[in-house]
mmCIF file of all heavy atoms, coordinates in Angstrom:
data_MODEL
# 
_entry.id   MODEL 
# 
loop_
_atom_site.group_PDB 
_atom_site.id 
_atom_site.type_symbol 
_atom_site.label_atom_id 
_atom_site.label_alt_id 
_atom_site.label_comp_id 
_atom_site.label_asym_id 
_atom_site.label_entity_id 
_atom_site.label_seq_id 
_atom_site.pdbx_PDB_ins_code 
_atom_site.Cartn_x 
_atom_site.Cartn_y 
_atom_site.Cartn_z 
_atom_site.occupancy 
_atom_site.B_iso_or_equiv 
_atom_site.pdbx_formal_charge 
_atom_site.auth_seq_id 
_atom_site.auth_comp_id 
_atom_site.auth_asym_id 
_atom_site.auth_atom_id 
_atom_site.pdbx_PDB_model_num 
ATOM 1   N N   . GLU A 1 1  ? -18.402 6.898  -27.069 1.00 0.00 ? 1  GLU A N   1 
ATOM 2   C CA  . GLU A 1 1  ? -18.699 6.149  -25.830 1.00 0.00 ? 1  GLU A CA  1 
ATOM 3   C C   . GLU A 1 1  ? -19.516 7.126  -24.942 1.00 0.00 ? 1  GLU A C   1 
ATOM 4   O O   . GLU A 1 1  ? -20.246 6.547  -24.097 1.00 0.00 ? 1  GLU A O   1 
ATOM 5   C CB  . GLU A 1 1  ? -17.255 5.837  -25.215 1.00 0.00 ? 1  GLU A CB  1 
ATOM 6   C CG  . GLU A 1 1  ? -16.615 4.630  -25.957 1.00 0.00 ? 1  GLU A CG  1 
ATOM 7   C CD  . GLU A 1 1  ? -15.354 4.158  -25.288 1.00 0.00 ? 1  GLU A CD  1 
ATOM 8   O OE1 . GLU A 1 1  ? -15.445 3.448  -24.151 1.00 0.00 ? 1  GLU A OE1 1 
ATOM 9   O OE2 . GLU A 1 1  ? -14.216 4.420  -25.797 1.00 0.00 ? 1  GLU A OE2 1 
ATOM 10  N N   . LEU A 1 2  ? -19.259 8.386  -25.003 1.00 0.00 ? 2  LEU A N   1 
ATOM 11  C CA  . LEU A 1 2  ? -20.060 9.181  -24.028 1.00 0.00 ? 2  LEU A CA  1 
ATOM 12  C C   . LEU A 1 2  ? -21.402 9.395  -24.579 1.00 0.00 ? 2  LEU A C   1 
ATOM 13  O O   . LEU A 1 2  ? -22.334 9.915  -23.770 1.00 0.00 ? 2  LEU A O   1 
ATOM 14  C CB  . LEU A 1 2  ? -19.409 10.609 -24.006 1.00 0.00 ? 2  LEU A CB  1 
ATOM 15  C CG  . LEU A 1 2  ? -18.014 10.688 -23.292 1.00 0.00 ? 2  LEU A CG  1 
ATOM 16  C CD1 . LEU A 1 2  ? -17.518 12.137 -23.224 1.00 0.00 ? 2  LEU A CD1 1 
ATOM 17  C CD2 . LEU A 1 2  ? -18.027 10.109 -21.838 1.00 0.00 ? 2  LEU A CD2 1 
ATOM 18  N N   . THR A 1 3  ? -21.751 9.110  -25.772 1.00 0.00 ? 3  THR A N   1 
ATOM 19  C CA  . THR A 1 3  ? -23.129 9.187  -26.326 1.00 0.00 ? 3  THR A CA  1 
ATOM 20  C C   . THR A 1 3  ? -23.903 7.961  -25.827 1.00 0.00 ? 3  THR A C   1 
ATOM 21  O O   . THR A 1 3  ? -25.259 8.161  -25.930 1.00 0.00 ? 3  THR A O   1 
ATOM 22  C CB  . THR A 1 3  ? -23.198 9.192  -27.915 1.00 0.00 ? 3  THR A CB  1 
ATOM 23  O OG1 . THR A 1 3  ? -22.584 7.987  -28.388 1.00 0.00 ? 3  THR A OG1 1 
ATOM 24  C CG2 . THR A 1 3  ? -22.347 10.370 -28.421 1.00 0.00 ? 3  THR A CG2 1 
ATOM 25  N N   . ARG A 1 4  ? -23.380 7.002  -25.427 1.00 0.00 ? 4  ARG A N   1 
ATOM 26  C CA  . ARG A 1 4  ? -24.058 5.836  -24.988 1.00 0.00 ? 4  ARG A CA  1 
ATOM 27  C C   . ARG A 1 4  ? -25.014 6.098  -23.817 1.00 0.00 ? 4  ARG A C   1 
ATOM 28  O O   . ARG A 1 4  ? -24.605 6.669  -22.882 1.00 0.00 ? 4  ARG A O   1 
ATOM 29  C CB  . ARG A 1 4  ? -23.213 4.596  -24.688 1.00 0.00 ? 4  ARG A CB  1 
ATOM 30  C CG  . ARG A 1 4  ? -22.392 4.172  -25.927 1.00 0.00 ? 4  ARG A CG  1 
ATOM 31  C CD  . ARG A 1 4  ? -21.391 3.065  -25.559 1.00 0.00 ? 4  ARG A CD  1 
ATOM 32  N NE  . ARG A 1 4  ? -20.584 2.783  -26.813 1.00 0.00 ? 4  ARG A NE  1 
ATOM 33  C CZ  . ARG A 1 4  ? -19.395 2.108  -26.773 1.00 0.00 ? 4  ARG A CZ  1 
ATOM 34  N NH1 . ARG A 1 4  ? -18.944 1.597  -25.479 1.00 0.00 ? 4  ARG A NH1 1 
ATOM 35  N NH2 . ARG A 1 4  ? -18.722 1.776  -27.740 1.00 0.00 ? 4  ARG A NH2 1 
ATOM 36  N N   . THR A 1 5  ? -26.217 5.582  -23.815 1.00 0.00 ? 5  THR A N   1 
ATOM 37  C CA  . THR A 1 5  ? -27.172 5.822  -22.744 1.00 0.00 ? 5  THR A CA  1 
ATOM 38  C C   . THR A 1 5  ? -26.651 5.114  -21.461 1.00 0.00 ? 5  THR A C   1 
ATOM 39  O O   . THR A 1 5  ? -27.063 5.455  -20.355 1.00 0.00 ? 5  THR A O   1 
ATOM 40  C CB  . THR A 1 5  ? -28.611 5.383  -23.086 1.00 0.00 ? 5  THR A CB  1 
ATOM 41  O OG1 . THR A 1 5  ? -28.511 4.021  -23.432 1.00 0.00 ? 5  THR A OG1 1 
ATOM 42  C CG2 . THR A 1 5  ? -29.196 6.319  -24.203 1.00 0.00 ? 5  THR A CG2 1 
ATOM 43  N N   . SER A 1 6  ? -25.785 4.165  -21.696 1.00 0.00 ? 6  SER A N   1 
ATOM 44  C CA  . SER A 1 6  ? -25.328 3.259  -20.495 1.00 0.00 ? 6  SER A CA  1 
ATOM 45  C C   . SER A 1 6  ? -24.126 4.022  -19.791 1.00 0.00 ? 6  SER A C   1 
ATOM 46  O O   . SER A 1 6  ? -23.731 3.570  -18.699 1.00 0.00 ? 6  SER A O   1 
ATOM 47  C CB  . SER A 1 6  ? -24.848 1.854  -21.027 1.00 0.00 ? 6  SER A CB  1 
ATOM 48  O OG  . SER A 1 6  ? -23.825 2.055  -22.013 1.00 0.00 ? 6  SER A OG  1 
ATOM 49  N N   . HIS A 1 7  ? -23.571 5.048  -20.368 1.00 0.00 ? 7  HIS A N   1 
ATOM 50  C CA  . HIS A 1 7  ? -22.472 5.750  -19.815 1.00 0.00 ? 7  HIS A CA  1 
ATOM 51  C C   . HIS A 1 7  ? -22.882 6.312  -18.461 1.00 0.00 ? 7  HIS A C   1 
ATOM 52  O O   . HIS A 1 7  ? -23.828 7.154  -18.309 1.00 0.00 ? 7  HIS A O   1 
ATOM 53  C CB  . HIS A 1 7  ? -21.957 6.841  -20.562 1.00 0.00 ? 7  HIS A CB  1 
ATOM 54  C CG  . HIS A 1 7  ? -20.826 7.543  -20.060 1.00 0.00 ? 7  HIS A CG  1 
ATOM 55  N ND1 . HIS A 1 7  ? -19.594 7.003  -19.747 1.00 0.00 ? 7  HIS A ND1 1 
ATOM 56  C CD2 . HIS A 1 7  ? -20.658 8.945  -19.483 1.00 0.00 ? 7  HIS A CD2 1 
ATOM 57  C CE1 . HIS A 1 7  ? -18.755 7.772  -19.169 1.00 0.00 ? 7  HIS A CE1 1 
ATOM 58  N NE2 . HIS A 1 7  ? -19.421 8.995  -18.923 1.00 0.00 ? 7  HIS A NE2 1 
ATOM 59  N N   . ARG A 1 8  ? -22.081 6.001  -17.374 1.00 0.00 ? 8  ARG A N   1 
ATOM 60  C CA  . ARG A 1 8  ? -22.351 6.513  -16.115 1.00 0.00 ? 8  ARG A CA  1 
ATOM 61  C C   . ARG A 1 8  ? -21.344 7.504  -15.724 1.00 0.00 ? 8  ARG A C   1 
ATOM 62  O O   . ARG A 1 8  ? -20.163 7.392  -15.797 1.00 0.00 ? 8  ARG A O   1 
ATOM 63  C CB  . ARG A 1 8  ? -22.292 5.375  -15.010 1.00 0.00 ? 8  ARG A CB  1 
ATOM 64  C CG  . ARG A 1 8  ? -22.450 5.866  -13.622 1.00 0.00 ? 8  ARG A CG  1 
ATOM 65  C CD  . ARG A 1 8  ? -22.631 4.674  -12.648 1.00 0.00 ? 8  ARG A CD  1 
ATOM 66  N NE  . ARG A 1 8  ? -21.697 3.706  -12.798 1.00 0.00 ? 8  ARG A NE  1 
ATOM 67  C CZ  . ARG A 1 8  ? -20.490 3.723  -12.056 1.00 0.00 ? 8  ARG A CZ  1 
ATOM 68  N NH1 . ARG A 1 8  ? -20.311 4.740  -11.143 1.00 0.00 ? 8  ARG A NH1 1 
ATOM 69  N NH2 . ARG A 1 8  ? -19.601 2.738  -12.144 1.00 0.00 ? 8  ARG A NH2 1 
ATOM 70  N N   . VAL A 1 9  ? -21.866 8.803  -15.438 1.00 0.00 ? 9  VAL A N   1 
ATOM 71  C CA  . VAL A 1 9  ? -20.849 9.972  -15.263 1.00 0.00 ? 9  VAL A CA  1 
ATOM 72  C C   . VAL A 1 9  ? -20.141 9.825  -13.874 1.00 0.00 ? 9  VAL A C   1 
ATOM 73  O O   . VAL A 1 9  ? -20.794 9.746  -12.809 1.00 0.00 ? 9  VAL A O   1 
ATOM 74  C CB  . VAL A 1 9  ? -21.565 11.291 -15.326 1.00 0.00 ? 9  VAL A CB  1 
ATOM 75  C CG1 . VAL A 1 9  ? -20.592 12.366 -15.214 1.00 0.00 ? 9  VAL A CG1 1 
ATOM 76  C CG2 . VAL A 1 9  ? -22.343 11.396 -16.649 1.00 0.00 ? 9  VAL A CG2 1 
ATOM 77  N N   . THR A 1 10 ? -18.880 9.785  -14.000 1.00 0.00 ? 10 THR A N   1 
ATOM 78  C CA  . THR A 1 10 ? -18.008 9.763  -12.740 1.00 0.00 ? 10 THR A CA  1 
ATOM 79  C C   . THR A 1 10 ? -16.653 10.364 -13.215 1.00 0.00 ? 10 THR A C   1 
ATOM 80  O O   . THR A 1 10 ? -16.362 10.296 -14.401 1.00 0.00 ? 10 THR A O   1 
ATOM 81  C CB  . THR A 1 10 ? -17.758 8.281  -12.258 1.00 0.00 ? 10 THR A CB  1 
ATOM 82  O OG1 . THR A 1 10 ? -16.976 8.329  -11.051 1.00 0.00 ? 10 THR A OG1 1 
ATOM 83  C CG2 . THR A 1 10 ? -16.943 7.372  -13.306 1.00 0.00 ? 10 THR A CG2 1 
ATOM 84  N N   . PRO A 1 11 ? -15.900 10.992 -12.376 1.00 0.00 ? 11 PRO A N   1 
ATOM 85  C CA  . PRO A 1 11 ? -14.713 11.695 -12.726 1.00 0.00 ? 11 PRO A CA  1 
ATOM 86  C C   . PRO A 1 11 ? -13.751 10.771 -13.543 1.00 0.00 ? 11 PRO A C   1 
ATOM 87  O O   . PRO A 1 11 ? -13.434 9.648  -13.234 1.00 0.00 ? 11 PRO A O   1 
ATOM 88  C CB  . PRO A 1 11 ? -14.108 12.136 -11.542 1.00 0.00 ? 11 PRO A CB  1 
ATOM 89  C CG  . PRO A 1 11 ? -15.255 12.383 -10.539 1.00 0.00 ? 11 PRO A CG  1 
ATOM 90  C CD  . PRO A 1 11 ? -16.277 11.245 -10.931 1.00 0.00 ? 11 PRO A CD  1 
ATOM 91  N N   . LEU A 1 12 ? -13.311 11.191 -14.723 1.00 0.00 ? 12 LEU A N   1 
ATOM 92  C CA  . LEU A 1 12 ? -12.442 10.540 -15.584 1.00 0.00 ? 12 LEU A CA  1 
ATOM 93  C C   . LEU A 1 12 ? -10.924 10.800 -15.240 1.00 0.00 ? 12 LEU A C   1 
ATOM 94  O O   . LEU A 1 12 ? -10.572 11.952 -15.202 1.00 0.00 ? 12 LEU A O   1 
ATOM 95  C CB  . LEU A 1 12 ? -12.720 10.908 -17.007 1.00 0.00 ? 12 LEU A CB  1 
ATOM 96  C CG  . LEU A 1 12 ? -11.732 10.304 -18.101 1.00 0.00 ? 12 LEU A CG  1 
ATOM 97  C CD1 . LEU A 1 12 ? -11.778 8.839  -18.126 1.00 0.00 ? 12 LEU A CD1 1 
ATOM 98  C CD2 . LEU A 1 12 ? -11.956 10.943 -19.492 1.00 0.00 ? 12 LEU A CD2 1 
ATOM 99  N N   . ALA A 1 13 ? -10.304 9.762  -14.824 1.00 0.00 ? 13 ALA A N   1 
ATOM 100 C CA  . ALA A 1 13 ? -8.843  9.809  -14.538 1.00 0.00 ? 13 ALA A CA  1 
ATOM 101 C C   . ALA A 1 13 ? -8.047  9.765  -15.799 1.00 0.00 ? 13 ALA A C   1 
ATOM 102 O O   . ALA A 1 13 ? -8.032  8.706  -16.454 1.00 0.00 ? 13 ALA A O   1 
ATOM 103 C CB  . ALA A 1 13 ? -8.379  8.857  -13.519 1.00 0.00 ? 13 ALA A CB  1 
ATOM 104 N N   . LEU A 1 14 ? -7.341  10.927 -16.180 1.00 0.00 ? 14 LEU A N   1 
ATOM 105 C CA  . LEU A 1 14 ? -6.641  10.934 -17.394 1.00 0.00 ? 14 LEU A CA  1 
ATOM 106 C C   . LEU A 1 14 ? -5.178  10.745 -17.196 1.00 0.00 ? 14 LEU A C   1 
ATOM 107 O O   . LEU A 1 14 ? -4.489  11.382 -16.462 1.00 0.00 ? 14 LEU A O   1 
ATOM 108 C CB  . LEU A 1 14 ? -6.930  12.331 -18.032 1.00 0.00 ? 14 LEU A CB  1 
ATOM 109 C CG  . LEU A 1 14 ? -6.340  12.577 -19.439 1.00 0.00 ? 14 LEU A CG  1 
ATOM 110 C CD1 . LEU A 1 14 ? -6.785  11.530 -20.441 1.00 0.00 ? 14 LEU A CD1 1 
ATOM 111 C CD2 . LEU A 1 14 ? -6.690  13.951 -19.860 1.00 0.00 ? 14 LEU A CD2 1 
ATOM 112 N N   . GLY A 1 15 ? -4.581  9.693  -17.863 1.00 0.00 ? 15 GLY A N   1 
ATOM 113 C CA  . GLY A 1 15 ? -3.231  9.414  -17.747 1.00 0.00 ? 15 GLY A CA  1 
ATOM 114 C C   . GLY A 1 15 ? -2.786  8.772  -16.574 1.00 0.00 ? 15 GLY A C   1 
ATOM 115 O O   . GLY A 1 15 ? -1.947  9.227  -15.687 1.00 0.00 ? 15 GLY A O   1 
ATOM 116 N N   . ILE A 1 16 ? -3.350  7.640  -16.224 1.00 0.00 ? 16 ILE A N   1 
ATOM 117 C CA  . ILE A 1 16 ? -3.016  6.858  -14.991 1.00 0.00 ? 16 ILE A CA  1 
ATOM 118 C C   . ILE A 1 16 ? -1.927  5.868  -15.188 1.00 0.00 ? 16 ILE A C   1 
ATOM 119 O O   . ILE A 1 16 ? -0.866  5.861  -14.539 1.00 0.00 ? 16 ILE A O   1 
ATOM 120 C CB  . ILE A 1 16 ? -4.277  6.140  -14.501 1.00 0.00 ? 16 ILE A CB  1 
ATOM 121 C CG1 . ILE A 1 16 ? -5.357  7.184  -14.071 1.00 0.00 ? 16 ILE A CG1 1 
ATOM 122 C CG2 . ILE A 1 16 ? -3.938  5.287  -13.254 1.00 0.00 ? 16 ILE A CG2 1 
ATOM 123 C CD1 . ILE A 1 16 ? -4.885  8.123  -12.972 1.00 0.00 ? 16 ILE A CD1 1 
ATOM 124 N N   . ASN A 1 17 ? -2.026  4.950  -16.202 1.00 0.00 ? 17 ASN A N   1 
ATOM 125 C CA  . ASN A 1 17 ? -0.863  4.091  -16.452 1.00 0.00 ? 17 ASN A CA  1 
ATOM 126 C C   . ASN A 1 17 ? 0.309   4.755  -17.026 1.00 0.00 ? 17 ASN A C   1 
ATOM 127 O O   . ASN A 1 17 ? 1.451   4.484  -16.509 1.00 0.00 ? 17 ASN A O   1 
ATOM 128 C CB  . ASN A 1 17 ? -1.395  2.993  -17.486 1.00 0.00 ? 17 ASN A CB  1 
ATOM 129 C CG  . ASN A 1 17 ? -1.827  1.612  -16.804 1.00 0.00 ? 17 ASN A CG  1 
ATOM 130 O OD1 . ASN A 1 17 ? -1.791  1.610  -15.645 1.00 0.00 ? 17 ASN A OD1 1 
ATOM 131 N ND2 . ASN A 1 17 ? -1.933  0.666  -17.608 1.00 0.00 ? 17 ASN A ND2 1 
ATOM 132 N N   . THR A 1 18 ? 0.140   5.558  -18.081 1.00 0.00 ? 18 THR A N   1 
ATOM 133 C CA  . THR A 1 18 ? 1.218   6.296  -18.503 1.00 0.00 ? 18 THR A CA  1 
ATOM 134 C C   . THR A 1 18 ? 0.842   7.838  -18.624 1.00 0.00 ? 18 THR A C   1 
ATOM 135 O O   . THR A 1 18 ? -0.312  8.224  -18.769 1.00 0.00 ? 18 THR A O   1 
ATOM 136 C CB  . THR A 1 18 ? 1.604   5.848  -19.955 1.00 0.00 ? 18 THR A CB  1 
ATOM 137 O OG1 . THR A 1 18 ? 0.486   5.839  -20.860 1.00 0.00 ? 18 THR A OG1 1 
ATOM 138 C CG2 . THR A 1 18 ? 2.108   4.412  -19.809 1.00 0.00 ? 18 THR A CG2 1 
ATOM 139 N N   . ASP A 1 19 ? 1.734   8.694  -18.454 1.00 0.00 ? 19 ASP A N   1 
ATOM 140 C CA  . ASP A 1 19 ? 1.511   10.131 -18.311 1.00 0.00 ? 19 ASP A CA  1 
ATOM 141 C C   . ASP A 1 19 ? 0.970   10.693 -19.584 1.00 0.00 ? 19 ASP A C   1 
ATOM 142 O O   . ASP A 1 19 ? 1.505   10.561 -20.682 1.00 0.00 ? 19 ASP A O   1 
ATOM 143 C CB  . ASP A 1 19 ? 2.810   10.821 -17.942 1.00 0.00 ? 19 ASP A CB  1 
ATOM 144 C CG  . ASP A 1 19 ? 2.692   12.135 -17.398 1.00 0.00 ? 19 ASP A CG  1 
ATOM 145 O OD1 . ASP A 1 19 ? 1.878   13.005 -17.875 1.00 0.00 ? 19 ASP A OD1 1 
ATOM 146 O OD2 . ASP A 1 19 ? 3.253   12.474 -16.267 1.00 0.00 ? 19 ASP A OD2 1 
ATOM 147 N N   . ALA A 1 20 ? -0.136  11.356 -19.501 1.00 0.00 ? 20 ALA A N   1 
ATOM 148 C CA  . ALA A 1 20 ? -0.847  11.898 -20.598 1.00 0.00 ? 20 ALA A CA  1 
ATOM 149 C C   . ALA A 1 20 ? -0.221  13.113 -21.174 1.00 0.00 ? 20 ALA A C   1 
ATOM 150 O O   . ALA A 1 20 ? -0.396  13.463 -22.392 1.00 0.00 ? 20 ALA A O   1 
ATOM 151 C CB  . ALA A 1 20 ? -2.271  12.280 -20.254 1.00 0.00 ? 20 ALA A CB  1 
ATOM 152 N N   . TYR A 1 21 ? 0.799   13.654 -20.394 1.00 0.00 ? 21 TYR A N   1 
ATOM 153 C CA  . TYR A 1 21 ? 1.527   14.889 -20.907 1.00 0.00 ? 21 TYR A CA  1 
ATOM 154 C C   . TYR A 1 21 ? 3.018   14.511 -21.052 1.00 0.00 ? 21 TYR A C   1 
ATOM 155 O O   . TYR A 1 21 ? 3.884   15.340 -20.939 1.00 0.00 ? 21 TYR A O   1 
ATOM 156 C CB  . TYR A 1 21 ? 1.389   15.959 -19.993 1.00 0.00 ? 21 TYR A CB  1 
ATOM 157 C CG  . TYR A 1 21 ? 0.103   16.707 -20.014 1.00 0.00 ? 21 TYR A CG  1 
ATOM 158 C CD1 . TYR A 1 21 ? -0.974  16.354 -19.076 1.00 0.00 ? 21 TYR A CD1 1 
ATOM 159 C CD2 . TYR A 1 21 ? -0.195  17.571 -21.026 1.00 0.00 ? 21 TYR A CD2 1 
ATOM 160 C CE1 . TYR A 1 21 ? -2.183  16.916 -19.158 1.00 0.00 ? 21 TYR A CE1 1 
ATOM 161 C CE2 . TYR A 1 21 ? -1.440  18.179 -21.104 1.00 0.00 ? 21 TYR A CE2 1 
ATOM 162 C CZ  . TYR A 1 21 ? -2.556  17.900 -20.283 1.00 0.00 ? 21 TYR A CZ  1 
ATOM 163 O OH  . TYR A 1 21 ? -3.667  18.426 -20.456 1.00 0.00 ? 21 TYR A OH  1 
ATOM 164 N N   . GLN A 1 22 ? 3.323   13.292 -21.400 1.00 0.00 ? 22 GLN A N   1 
ATOM 165 C CA  . GLN A 1 22 ? 4.691   12.846 -21.654 1.00 0.00 ? 22 GLN A CA  1 
ATOM 166 C C   . GLN A 1 22 ? 5.115   13.658 -22.891 1.00 0.00 ? 22 GLN A C   1 
ATOM 167 O O   . GLN A 1 22 ? 4.364   14.186 -23.678 1.00 0.00 ? 22 GLN A O   1 
ATOM 168 C CB  . GLN A 1 22 ? 4.824   11.389 -21.858 1.00 0.00 ? 22 GLN A CB  1 
ATOM 169 C CG  . GLN A 1 22 ? 4.011   10.864 -22.991 1.00 0.00 ? 22 GLN A CG  1 
ATOM 170 C CD  . GLN A 1 22 ? 4.180   9.274  -23.151 1.00 0.00 ? 22 GLN A CD  1 
ATOM 171 O OE1 . GLN A 1 22 ? 5.230   8.792  -23.651 1.00 0.00 ? 22 GLN A OE1 1 
ATOM 172 N NE2 . GLN A 1 22 ? 3.212   8.500  -22.687 1.00 0.00 ? 22 GLN A NE2 1 
ATOM 173 N N   . PRO A 1 23 ? 6.520   13.692 -23.162 1.00 0.00 ? 23 PRO A N   1 
ATOM 174 C CA  . PRO A 1 23 ? 7.045   14.573 -24.266 1.00 0.00 ? 23 PRO A CA  1 
ATOM 175 C C   . PRO A 1 23 ? 6.395   14.512 -25.605 1.00 0.00 ? 23 PRO A C   1 
ATOM 176 O O   . PRO A 1 23 ? 6.156   15.454 -26.315 1.00 0.00 ? 23 PRO A O   1 
ATOM 177 C CB  . PRO A 1 23 ? 8.493   14.158 -24.221 1.00 0.00 ? 23 PRO A CB  1 
ATOM 178 C CG  . PRO A 1 23 ? 8.804   13.786 -22.842 1.00 0.00 ? 23 PRO A CG  1 
ATOM 179 C CD  . PRO A 1 23 ? 7.672   13.082 -22.431 1.00 0.00 ? 23 PRO A CD  1 
ATOM 180 N N   . ILE A 1 24 ? 6.029   13.206 -26.100 1.00 0.00 ? 24 ILE A N   1 
ATOM 181 C CA  . ILE A 1 24 ? 5.448   13.025 -27.417 1.00 0.00 ? 24 ILE A CA  1 
ATOM 182 C C   . ILE A 1 24 ? 4.092   13.766 -27.564 1.00 0.00 ? 24 ILE A C   1 
ATOM 183 O O   . ILE A 1 24 ? 3.556   14.017 -28.660 1.00 0.00 ? 24 ILE A O   1 
ATOM 184 C CB  . ILE A 1 24 ? 5.347   11.537 -27.811 1.00 0.00 ? 24 ILE A CB  1 
ATOM 185 C CG1 . ILE A 1 24 ? 4.458   10.829 -26.887 1.00 0.00 ? 24 ILE A CG1 1 
ATOM 186 C CG2 . ILE A 1 24 ? 6.673   10.897 -27.927 1.00 0.00 ? 24 ILE A CG2 1 
ATOM 187 C CD1 . ILE A 1 24 ? 4.128   9.353  -27.522 1.00 0.00 ? 24 ILE A CD1 1 
ATOM 188 N N   . GLU A 1 25 ? 3.439   14.134 -26.376 1.00 0.00 ? 25 GLU A N   1 
ATOM 189 C CA  . GLU A 1 25 ? 2.135   14.845 -26.535 1.00 0.00 ? 25 GLU A CA  1 
ATOM 190 C C   . GLU A 1 25 ? 2.321   16.199 -27.147 1.00 0.00 ? 25 GLU A C   1 
ATOM 191 O O   . GLU A 1 25 ? 1.346   16.768 -27.743 1.00 0.00 ? 25 GLU A O   1 
ATOM 192 C CB  . GLU A 1 25 ? 1.570   15.038 -25.118 1.00 0.00 ? 25 GLU A CB  1 
ATOM 193 C CG  . GLU A 1 25 ? 0.386   16.011 -24.865 1.00 0.00 ? 25 GLU A CG  1 
ATOM 194 C CD  . GLU A 1 25 ? -0.815  15.688 -25.741 1.00 0.00 ? 25 GLU A CD  1 
ATOM 195 O OE1 . GLU A 1 25 ? -0.981  14.549 -26.188 1.00 0.00 ? 25 GLU A OE1 1 
ATOM 196 O OE2 . GLU A 1 25 ? -1.717  16.601 -25.946 1.00 0.00 ? 25 GLU A OE2 1 
ATOM 197 N N   . ARG A 1 26 ? 3.505   16.824 -27.130 1.00 0.00 ? 26 ARG A N   1 
ATOM 198 C CA  . ARG A 1 26 ? 3.802   18.045 -27.774 1.00 0.00 ? 26 ARG A CA  1 
ATOM 199 C C   . ARG A 1 26 ? 3.376   17.982 -29.328 1.00 0.00 ? 26 ARG A C   1 
ATOM 200 O O   . ARG A 1 26 ? 2.910   18.938 -29.888 1.00 0.00 ? 26 ARG A O   1 
ATOM 201 C CB  . ARG A 1 26 ? 5.233   18.547 -27.586 1.00 0.00 ? 26 ARG A CB  1 
ATOM 202 C CG  . ARG A 1 26 ? 5.523   18.873 -26.088 1.00 0.00 ? 26 ARG A CG  1 
ATOM 203 C CD  . ARG A 1 26 ? 6.996   19.347 -26.027 1.00 0.00 ? 26 ARG A CD  1 
ATOM 204 N NE  . ARG A 1 26 ? 7.405   19.536 -24.577 1.00 0.00 ? 26 ARG A NE  1 
ATOM 205 C CZ  . ARG A 1 26 ? 7.044   20.659 -23.865 1.00 0.00 ? 26 ARG A CZ  1 
ATOM 206 N NH1 . ARG A 1 26 ? 6.403   21.649 -24.522 1.00 0.00 ? 26 ARG A NH1 1 
ATOM 207 N NH2 . ARG A 1 26 ? 7.415   20.755 -22.666 1.00 0.00 ? 26 ARG A NH2 1 
ATOM 208 N N   . GLU A 1 27 ? 3.790   16.808 -29.856 1.00 0.00 ? 27 GLU A N   1 
ATOM 209 C CA  . GLU A 1 27 ? 3.636   16.639 -31.317 1.00 0.00 ? 27 GLU A CA  1 
ATOM 210 C C   . GLU A 1 27 ? 2.184   16.019 -31.548 1.00 0.00 ? 27 GLU A C   1 
ATOM 211 O O   . GLU A 1 27 ? 1.499   16.473 -32.460 1.00 0.00 ? 27 GLU A O   1 
ATOM 212 C CB  . GLU A 1 27 ? 4.653   15.779 -31.896 1.00 0.00 ? 27 GLU A CB  1 
ATOM 213 C CG  . GLU A 1 27 ? 4.489   15.381 -33.311 1.00 0.00 ? 27 GLU A CG  1 
ATOM 214 C CD  . GLU A 1 27 ? 5.578   14.446 -33.850 1.00 0.00 ? 27 GLU A CD  1 
ATOM 215 O OE1 . GLU A 1 27 ? 6.517   14.085 -33.095 1.00 0.00 ? 27 GLU A OE1 1 
ATOM 216 O OE2 . GLU A 1 27 ? 5.342   13.997 -35.048 1.00 0.00 ? 27 GLU A OE2 1 
ATOM 217 N N   . TRP A 1 28 ? 1.755   15.022 -30.764 1.00 0.00 ? 28 TRP A N   1 
ATOM 218 C CA  . TRP A 1 28 ? 0.594   14.275 -31.108 1.00 0.00 ? 28 TRP A CA  1 
ATOM 219 C C   . TRP A 1 28 ? -0.680  14.947 -30.660 1.00 0.00 ? 28 TRP A C   1 
ATOM 220 O O   . TRP A 1 28 ? -1.719  14.797 -31.193 1.00 0.00 ? 28 TRP A O   1 
ATOM 221 C CB  . TRP A 1 28 ? 0.681   12.836 -30.681 1.00 0.00 ? 28 TRP A CB  1 
ATOM 222 C CG  . TRP A 1 28 ? 1.739   12.102 -31.287 1.00 0.00 ? 28 TRP A CG  1 
ATOM 223 C CD1 . TRP A 1 28 ? 3.123   12.039 -31.090 1.00 0.00 ? 28 TRP A CD1 1 
ATOM 224 C CD2 . TRP A 1 28 ? 1.614   11.244 -32.496 1.00 0.00 ? 28 TRP A CD2 1 
ATOM 225 N NE1 . TRP A 1 28 ? 3.811   11.341 -32.019 1.00 0.00 ? 28 TRP A NE1 1 
ATOM 226 C CE2 . TRP A 1 28 ? 2.885   10.737 -32.855 1.00 0.00 ? 28 TRP A CE2 1 
ATOM 227 C CE3 . TRP A 1 28 ? 0.466   10.885 -33.193 1.00 0.00 ? 28 TRP A CE3 1 
ATOM 228 C CZ2 . TRP A 1 28 ? 3.075   9.930  -33.950 1.00 0.00 ? 28 TRP A CZ2 1 
ATOM 229 C CZ3 . TRP A 1 28 ? 0.598   9.965  -34.372 1.00 0.00 ? 28 TRP A CZ3 1 
ATOM 230 C CH2 . TRP A 1 28 ? 1.903   9.499  -34.652 1.00 0.00 ? 28 TRP A CH2 1 
# 
């Protein structure tokens, strides 16, 4: 998706709906 010429750069919010660092992230 970042290779697309249509991509507009703006800060990416990571883990908004659900926590990106929840416990299963240790394994996955």
